Each structure stands twice: as structure tokens, then as C-alpha cells.
C-alpha atoms as a PDB file:
ATOM      1  CA  UNK A   1       7.167 -21.062  29.024  1.00  0.00           C
ATOM      2  CA  UNK A   2       9.652 -19.236  26.819  1.00  0.00           C
ATOM      3  CA  UNK A   3       8.043 -20.348  23.555  1.00  0.00           C
ATOM      4  CA  UNK A   4       7.117 -18.060  20.683  1.00  0.00           C
ATOM      5  CA  UNK A   5       3.417 -17.324  20.372  1.00  0.00           C
ATOM      6  CA  UNK A   6       1.650 -17.068  17.052  1.00  0.00           C
ATOM      7  CA  UNK A   7      -1.305 -14.881  16.167  1.00  0.00           C
ATOM      8  CA  UNK A   8      -4.168 -16.650  14.486  1.00  0.00           C
ATOM      9  CA  UNK A   9      -6.228 -15.187  11.656  1.00  0.00           C
ATOM     10  CA  UNK A  10      -3.182 -13.479  10.113  1.00  0.00           C
ATOM     11  CA  UNK A  11      -4.180 -12.073   6.729  1.00  0.00           C
ATOM     12  CA  UNK A  12      -0.947 -12.328   4.724  1.00  0.00           C
ATOM     13  CA  UNK A  13       0.979 -15.580   5.051  1.00  0.00           C
ATOM     14  CA  UNK A  14       2.892 -15.576   1.755  1.00  0.00           C
ATOM     15  CA  UNK A  15       5.578 -12.972   2.273  1.00  0.00           C
ATOM     16  CA  UNK A  16       9.304 -12.727   2.827  1.00  0.00           C
ATOM     17  CA  UNK A  17      11.917 -10.018   3.121  1.00  0.00           C
ATOM     18  CA  UNK A  18      14.268  -8.990   0.350  1.00  0.00           C
ATOM     19  CA  UNK A  19      17.085  -6.542  -0.276  1.00  0.00           C
ATOM     20  CA  UNK A  20      15.467  -3.769  -2.351  1.00  0.00           C
ATOM     21  CA  UNK A  21      18.701  -2.725  -4.037  1.00  0.00           C
ATOM     22  CA  UNK A  22      19.192  -6.272  -5.323  1.00  0.00           C
ATOM     23  CA  UNK A  23      15.697  -6.647  -6.822  1.00  0.00           C
ATOM     24  CA  UNK A  24      14.640  -3.190  -8.015  1.00  0.00           C
ATOM     25  CA  UNK A  25      16.066  -3.755 -11.504  1.00  0.00           C
ATOM     26  CA  UNK A  26      13.492  -6.546 -12.059  1.00  0.00           C
ATOM     27  CA  UNK A  27      10.446  -4.323 -12.350  1.00  0.00           C
ATOM     28  CA  UNK A  28      12.044  -1.277 -14.018  1.00  0.00           C
ATOM     29  CA  UNK A  29       9.099   1.062 -14.673  1.00  0.00           C
ATOM     30  CA  UNK A  30       6.394  -1.314 -13.440  1.00  0.00           C
ATOM     31  CA  UNK A  31       6.139   0.732 -10.227  1.00  0.00           C
ATOM     32  CA  UNK A  32       3.551   2.805  -8.386  1.00  0.00           C
ATOM     33  CA  UNK A  33       3.079   4.308  -4.932  1.00  0.00           C
ATOM     34  CA  UNK A  34       0.399   4.063  -2.271  1.00  0.00           C
ATOM     35  CA  UNK A  35      -0.341   6.759   0.309  1.00  0.00           C
ATOM     36  CA  UNK A  36      -2.458   6.403   3.429  1.00  0.00           C
ATOM     37  CA  UNK A  37      -2.830   9.874   4.930  1.00  0.00           C
ATOM     38  CA  UNK A  38      -3.273  10.628   8.596  1.00  0.00           C
ATOM     39  CA  UNK A  39      -2.498  13.536  10.858  1.00  0.00           C
ATOM     40  CA  UNK A  40      -2.844  12.068  14.355  1.00  0.00           C
ATOM     41  CA  UNK A  41      -2.230   8.604  12.953  1.00  0.00           C
ATOM     42  CA  UNK A  42       0.650   7.792  10.633  1.00  0.00           C
ATOM     43  CA  UNK A  43       0.888   8.876   7.045  1.00  0.00           C
ATOM     44  CA  UNK A  44       2.397   5.934   5.182  1.00  0.00           C
ATOM     45  CA  UNK A  45       3.918   6.027   1.707  1.00  0.00           C
ATOM     46  CA  UNK A  46       4.992   2.767   0.089  1.00  0.00           C
ATOM     47  CA  UNK A  47       6.681   2.032  -3.220  1.00  0.00           C
ATOM     48  CA  UNK A  48       5.328  -1.054  -4.989  1.00  0.00           C
ATOM     49  CA  UNK A  49       6.821  -2.909  -7.919  1.00  0.00           C
ATOM     50  CA  UNK A  50       5.629  -5.979  -9.786  1.00  0.00           C
ATOM     51  CA  UNK A  51       7.735  -8.648 -11.403  1.00  0.00           C
ATOM     52  CA  UNK A  52       6.655 -12.111 -12.545  1.00  0.00           C
ATOM     53  CA  UNK A  53       3.197 -11.612 -10.936  1.00  0.00           C
ATOM     54  CA  UNK A  54       4.739 -10.977  -7.484  1.00  0.00           C
ATOM     55  CA  UNK A  55       4.809  -7.718  -5.540  1.00  0.00           C
ATOM     56  CA  UNK A  56       7.826  -5.958  -4.084  1.00  0.00           C
ATOM     57  CA  UNK A  57       7.113  -3.374  -1.384  1.00  0.00           C
ATOM     58  CA  UNK A  58       9.328  -0.690   0.156  1.00  0.00           C
ATOM     59  CA  UNK A  59       8.432   1.782   2.898  1.00  0.00           C
ATOM     60  CA  UNK A  60       9.311   5.378   2.059  1.00  0.00           C
ATOM     61  CA  UNK A  61       7.487   7.367   4.750  1.00  0.00           C
ATOM     62  CA  UNK A  62       5.834   6.651   8.104  1.00  0.00           C
ATOM     63  CA  UNK A  63       5.161   9.803  10.140  1.00  0.00           C
ATOM     64  CA  UNK A  64       2.490  11.547  12.185  1.00  0.00           C
ATOM     65  CA  UNK A  65       1.526  15.226  12.463  1.00  0.00           C
ATOM     66  CA  UNK A  66       2.018  15.983   8.765  1.00  0.00           C
ATOM     67  CA  UNK A  67      -0.187  18.699   7.342  1.00  0.00           C
ATOM     68  CA  UNK A  68      -0.899  18.569   3.609  1.00  0.00           C
ATOM     69  CA  UNK A  69       1.875  21.120   3.003  1.00  0.00           C
ATOM     70  CA  UNK A  70       4.447  19.295   5.120  1.00  0.00           C
ATOM     71  CA  UNK A  71       3.514  15.979   3.487  1.00  0.00           C
ATOM     72  CA  UNK A  72       3.969  17.481   0.016  1.00  0.00           C
ATOM     73  CA  UNK A  73       7.385  18.795   1.101  1.00  0.00           C
ATOM     74  CA  UNK A  74       8.369  15.327   2.391  1.00  0.00           C
ATOM     75  CA  UNK A  75       7.226  13.709  -0.861  1.00  0.00           C
ATOM     76  CA  UNK A  76       9.258  16.249  -2.810  1.00  0.00           C
ATOM     77  CA  UNK A  77      12.354  15.079  -0.963  1.00  0.00           C
ATOM     78  CA  UNK A  78      11.553  11.391  -1.487  1.00  0.00           C
ATOM     79  CA  UNK A  79      10.398  11.351  -5.120  1.00  0.00           C
ATOM     80  CA  UNK A  80      12.642  12.696  -7.850  1.00  0.00           C
ATOM     81  CA  UNK A  81      11.381  15.398 -10.185  1.00  0.00           C
ATOM     82  CA  UNK A  82      11.532  12.908 -13.075  1.00  0.00           C
ATOM     83  CA  UNK A  83       9.386  10.352 -11.226  1.00  0.00           C
ATOM     84  CA  UNK A  84       6.731  12.817 -10.008  1.00  0.00           C
ATOM     85  CA  UNK A  85       4.827  12.872 -13.287  1.00  0.00           C
ATOM     86  CA  UNK A  86       5.454   9.261 -14.296  1.00  0.00           C
ATOM     87  CA  UNK A  87       4.777   7.325 -11.095  1.00  0.00           C
ATOM     88  CA  UNK A  88       1.183   7.276  -9.952  1.00  0.00           C
ATOM     89  CA  UNK A  89       0.496   7.793  -6.256  1.00  0.00           C
ATOM     90  CA  UNK A  90      -2.744   6.078  -5.245  1.00  0.00           C
ATOM     91  CA  UNK A  91      -4.173   8.097  -2.375  1.00  0.00           C
ATOM     92  CA  UNK A  92      -6.900   7.303   0.139  1.00  0.00           C
ATOM     93  CA  UNK A  93     -10.073   8.399  -1.649  1.00  0.00           C
ATOM     94  CA  UNK A  94     -11.319   9.974   1.597  1.00  0.00           C
ATOM     95  CA  UNK A  95      -8.789  12.761   0.909  1.00  0.00           C
ATOM     96  CA  UNK A  96      -9.842  14.395  -2.416  1.00  0.00           C
ATOM     97  CA  UNK A  97      -8.415  17.779  -1.352  1.00  0.00           C
ATOM     98  CA  UNK A  98      -4.989  16.201  -0.750  1.00  0.00           C
ATOM     99  CA  UNK A  99      -5.114  14.587  -4.189  1.00  0.00           C
ATOM    100  CA  UNK A 100      -5.853  17.985  -5.751  1.00  0.00           C
ATOM    101  CA  UNK A 101      -2.970  19.602  -3.829  1.00  0.00           C
ATOM    102  CA  UNK A 102      -0.555  16.815  -4.819  1.00  0.00           C
ATOM    103  CA  UNK A 103      -1.463  17.235  -8.484  1.00  0.00           C
ATOM    104  CA  UNK A 104      -1.005  21.020  -8.239  1.00  0.00           C
ATOM    105  CA  UNK A 105       2.442  20.363  -6.730  1.00  0.00           C
ATOM    106  CA  UNK A 106       3.433  18.304  -9.775  1.00  0.00           C
ATOM    107  CA  UNK A 107       2.727  14.760  -8.594  1.00  0.00           C
ATOM    108  CA  UNK A 108       0.555  12.254 -10.444  1.00  0.00           C
ATOM    109  CA  UNK A 109      -1.946  11.485  -7.662  1.00  0.00           C
ATOM    110  CA  UNK A 110      -5.107   9.463  -8.205  1.00  0.00           C
ATOM    111  CA  UNK A 111      -7.991   8.164  -6.109  1.00  0.00           C
ATOM    112  CA  UNK A 112      -7.356   4.652  -4.851  1.00  0.00           C
ATOM    113  CA  UNK A 113      -9.817   1.820  -4.982  1.00  0.00           C
ATOM    114  CA  UNK A 114     -10.519   1.274  -1.287  1.00  0.00           C
ATOM    115  CA  UNK A 115     -12.245  -2.113  -1.684  1.00  0.00           C
ATOM    116  CA  UNK A 116     -10.840  -3.764   1.425  1.00  0.00           C
ATOM    117  CA  UNK A 117     -11.982  -7.350   0.857  1.00  0.00           C
ATOM    118  CA  UNK A 118     -11.264  -7.346  -2.892  1.00  0.00           C
ATOM    119  CA  UNK A 119      -7.896  -5.676  -2.348  1.00  0.00           C
ATOM    120  CA  UNK A 120      -6.851  -8.142   0.337  1.00  0.00           C
ATOM    121  CA  UNK A 121      -8.074 -11.088  -1.749  1.00  0.00           C
ATOM    122  CA  UNK A 122      -6.012  -9.805  -4.679  1.00  0.00           C
ATOM    123  CA  UNK A 123      -2.832  -9.427  -2.611  1.00  0.00           C
ATOM    124  CA  UNK A 124      -3.292 -12.894  -1.121  1.00  0.00           C
ATOM    125  CA  UNK A 125      -3.068 -14.476  -4.604  1.00  0.00           C
ATOM    126  CA  UNK A 126       0.658 -13.804  -4.860  1.00  0.00           C
ATOM    127  CA  UNK A 127       3.864 -13.674  -2.866  1.00  0.00           C
ATOM    128  CA  UNK A 128       4.818 -10.357  -1.264  1.00  0.00           C
ATOM    129  CA  UNK A 129       8.477  -9.358  -1.045  1.00  0.00           C
ATOM    130  CA  UNK A 130       9.012  -6.737   1.668  1.00  0.00           C
ATOM    131  CA  UNK A 131      12.178  -4.660   1.760  1.00  0.00           C
ATOM    132  CA  UNK A 132      14.150  -5.828   4.796  1.00  0.00           C
ATOM    133  CA  UNK A 133      14.665  -2.219   5.942  1.00  0.00           C
ATOM    134  CA  UNK A 134      10.908  -1.463   5.920  1.00  0.00           C
ATOM    135  CA  UNK A 135      10.455  -1.963   9.654  1.00  0.00           C
ATOM    136  CA  UNK A 136       6.914  -0.587   9.895  1.00  0.00           C
ATOM    137  CA  UNK A 137       5.611  -2.701   7.019  1.00  0.00           C
ATOM    138  CA  UNK A 138       7.142  -5.803   8.588  1.00  0.00           C
ATOM    139  CA  UNK A 139       5.703  -4.965  12.007  1.00  0.00           C
ATOM    140  CA  UNK A 140       2.243  -4.351  10.532  1.00  0.00           C
ATOM    141  CA  UNK A 141       2.147  -7.414   8.267  1.00  0.00           C
ATOM    142  CA  UNK A 142       3.107  -9.682  11.171  1.00  0.00           C
ATOM    143  CA  UNK A 143       0.075  -8.579  13.198  1.00  0.00           C
ATOM    144  CA  UNK A 144      -2.431  -7.730  10.444  1.00  0.00           C
ATOM    145  CA  UNK A 145      -5.299 -10.088  11.197  1.00  0.00           C
ATOM    146  CA  UNK A 146      -8.992 -10.653  10.609  1.00  0.00           C
ATOM    147  CA  UNK A 147     -11.456  -9.384  13.199  1.00  0.00           C
ATOM    148  CA  UNK A 148     -13.209 -11.924  15.354  1.00  0.00           C
ATOM    149  CA  UNK A 149     -15.905 -11.615  17.981  1.00  0.00           C
ATOM    150  CA  UNK A 150     -15.758 -12.825  21.578  1.00  0.00           C
ATOM    151  CA  UNK A 151     -17.230 -16.171  20.512  1.00  0.00           C
ATOM    152  CA  UNK A 152     -14.306 -16.739  18.135  1.00  0.00           C
ATOM    153  CA  UNK A 153     -16.242 -16.122  14.917  1.00  0.00           C
ATOM    154  CA  UNK A 154     -13.919 -14.698  12.258  1.00  0.00           C
ATOM    155  CA  UNK A 155     -15.095 -11.929   9.928  1.00  0.00           C
ATOM    156  CA  UNK A 156     -13.811 -11.012   6.450  1.00  0.00           C
ATOM    157  CA  UNK A 157     -12.558  -7.634   7.625  1.00  0.00           C
ATOM    158  CA  UNK A 158      -9.225  -6.725   9.174  1.00  0.00           C
ATOM    159  CA  UNK A 159      -8.718  -5.341  12.653  1.00  0.00           C
ATOM    160  CA  UNK A 160      -8.362  -1.560  12.218  1.00  0.00           C
ATOM    161  CA  UNK A 161      -5.183  -1.083  14.241  1.00  0.00           C
ATOM    162  CA  UNK A 162      -1.704  -0.126  13.033  1.00  0.00           C
ATOM    163  CA  UNK A 163      -2.598  -0.821   9.406  1.00  0.00           C
ATOM    164  CA  UNK A 164      -1.356   2.300   7.622  1.00  0.00           C
ATOM    165  CA  UNK A 165       1.275   0.542   5.508  1.00  0.00           C
ATOM    166  CA  UNK A 166      -1.151  -2.305   4.826  1.00  0.00           C
ATOM    167  CA  UNK A 167      -3.706   0.196   3.520  1.00  0.00           C
ATOM    168  CA  UNK A 168      -1.131   2.066   1.409  1.00  0.00           C
ATOM    169  CA  UNK A 169       0.146  -1.220  -0.038  1.00  0.00           C
ATOM    170  CA  UNK A 170      -3.401  -2.338  -0.870  1.00  0.00           C
ATOM    171  CA  UNK A 171      -4.289   1.036  -2.430  1.00  0.00           C
ATOM    172  CA  UNK A 172      -1.300   0.837  -4.772  1.00  0.00           C
ATOM    173  CA  UNK A 173      -1.302  -2.826  -5.772  1.00  0.00           C
ATOM    174  CA  UNK A 174      -5.040  -3.298  -6.133  1.00  0.00           C
ATOM    175  CA  UNK A 175      -5.713   0.056  -7.800  1.00  0.00           C
ATOM    176  CA  UNK A 176      -2.826  -0.306 -10.267  1.00  0.00           C
ATOM    177  CA  UNK A 177      -2.709  -4.024 -11.077  1.00  0.00           C
ATOM    178  CA  UNK A 178      -5.651  -5.745  -9.425  1.00  0.00           C
ATOM    179  CA  UNK A 179      -8.845  -4.299 -10.773  1.00  0.00           C
ATOM    180  CA  UNK A 180     -10.315  -5.691 -13.952  1.00  0.00           C
ATOM    181  CA  UNK A 181     -10.423  -2.839 -16.395  1.00  0.00           C
ATOM    182  CA  UNK A 182     -12.514  -2.978 -19.555  1.00  0.00           C
ATOM    183  CA  UNK A 183     -10.344  -3.116 -22.676  1.00  0.00           C
ATOM    184  CA  UNK A 184     -12.850  -1.282 -24.861  1.00  0.00           C
ATOM    185  CA  UNK A 185     -16.361   0.018 -24.688  1.00  0.00           C
ATOM    186  CA  UNK A 186     -18.918  -1.895 -26.685  1.00  0.00           C
ATOM    187  CA  UNK A 187     -22.086  -0.120 -27.727  1.00  0.00           C
ATOM    188  CA  UNK A 188     -25.169  -1.880 -28.930  1.00  0.00           C
ATOM    189  CA  UNK A 189     -27.634  -0.055 -31.186  1.00  0.00           C
END
């Protein structure tokens, strides 16, 4: 009929595009990175900034067939020497060997919190600003939806298909800003 269709059960509804160069000054050093590693599937690296309780996301890498060594080389070209030790890269916790290799190469890599439901719930509490040149993030966020069965019942888990940027974004934002961290340890005698 020539009309635009719309997917139901889309996970992120509060997002828009932005021009990264025009907004990056807002969050200065309030930045981190998220990395979802894959060999046959895409490795996705995203840069995330926070300003005024809203997230700004930029795609830096989206490639397949990267070994650990070739990924480290790519990251070395994308992340300045100055930023390697100051900007945390939250990495898929299923890849502890990659995290060790990244740290040996001079990056500040840490295990991500992979809590899917909690991470998604956290990201849904705010507006997401996606860099307008981040084509793969935009493509993924437009189709990132909750799984449903053949009877139409919707589940609180996303469809696991073309979600590499979504995972990297969640790793970074939830691990860095979303988890409740204890301010101090209290001991009782």
C-alpha cells in the first residue's frame, strides 16, 4: 500500500540523532567505551558520554573477522595514547583473555556488567542521543525489539539479532553510570 510499517515491541523509543562534533564539549571527561567482541559476528566499539543525565553515543568500530591482535591494532588507531589509560573500555565479560590482552597493550579495559534486563531498564530511563554518522547503531536501535512467542506473548528479553552496538552501548552506560555502587563499607562488630 506504500505506507511505512512499524515494528512493535521496540525497546528504545526515546532517542534522536545528533551531530557529535557539536555536542562532545558537553561531557568533557565524562566518557567511557563499550566493546562487544565477535569474530564471525561484528566487533562493535562505541564511545559513550553523559551530560545532564542523558547519554550520547558514537560508533567507532563495527567489523568482523578481527582476531584479538587485529582488534588491538584497530583500537590503537582509534584511541589516542593519552586516552588509553584514562578512558575505561567495558568489555564483554565472556572475553577475559581479551581484557587481559587489552590491558597489556596499554588500554584500561574492565569486565562489563552484562545484566541485560537491568541494563536495558537503565538506558530506557533517559534520552539517547546517537551520532548521526553512526549508521550501524541507528540501524540496530530501529529494529532492537523484545522477543515474543508465536502466540504474541512478549518477553523481557531482546531478540538476539544484529545487536552488537546495542550490547556495547549497554555494557558502557550501565557498567559506568547505571549500577548502584556502595559509597563505603560498613562493618558491624
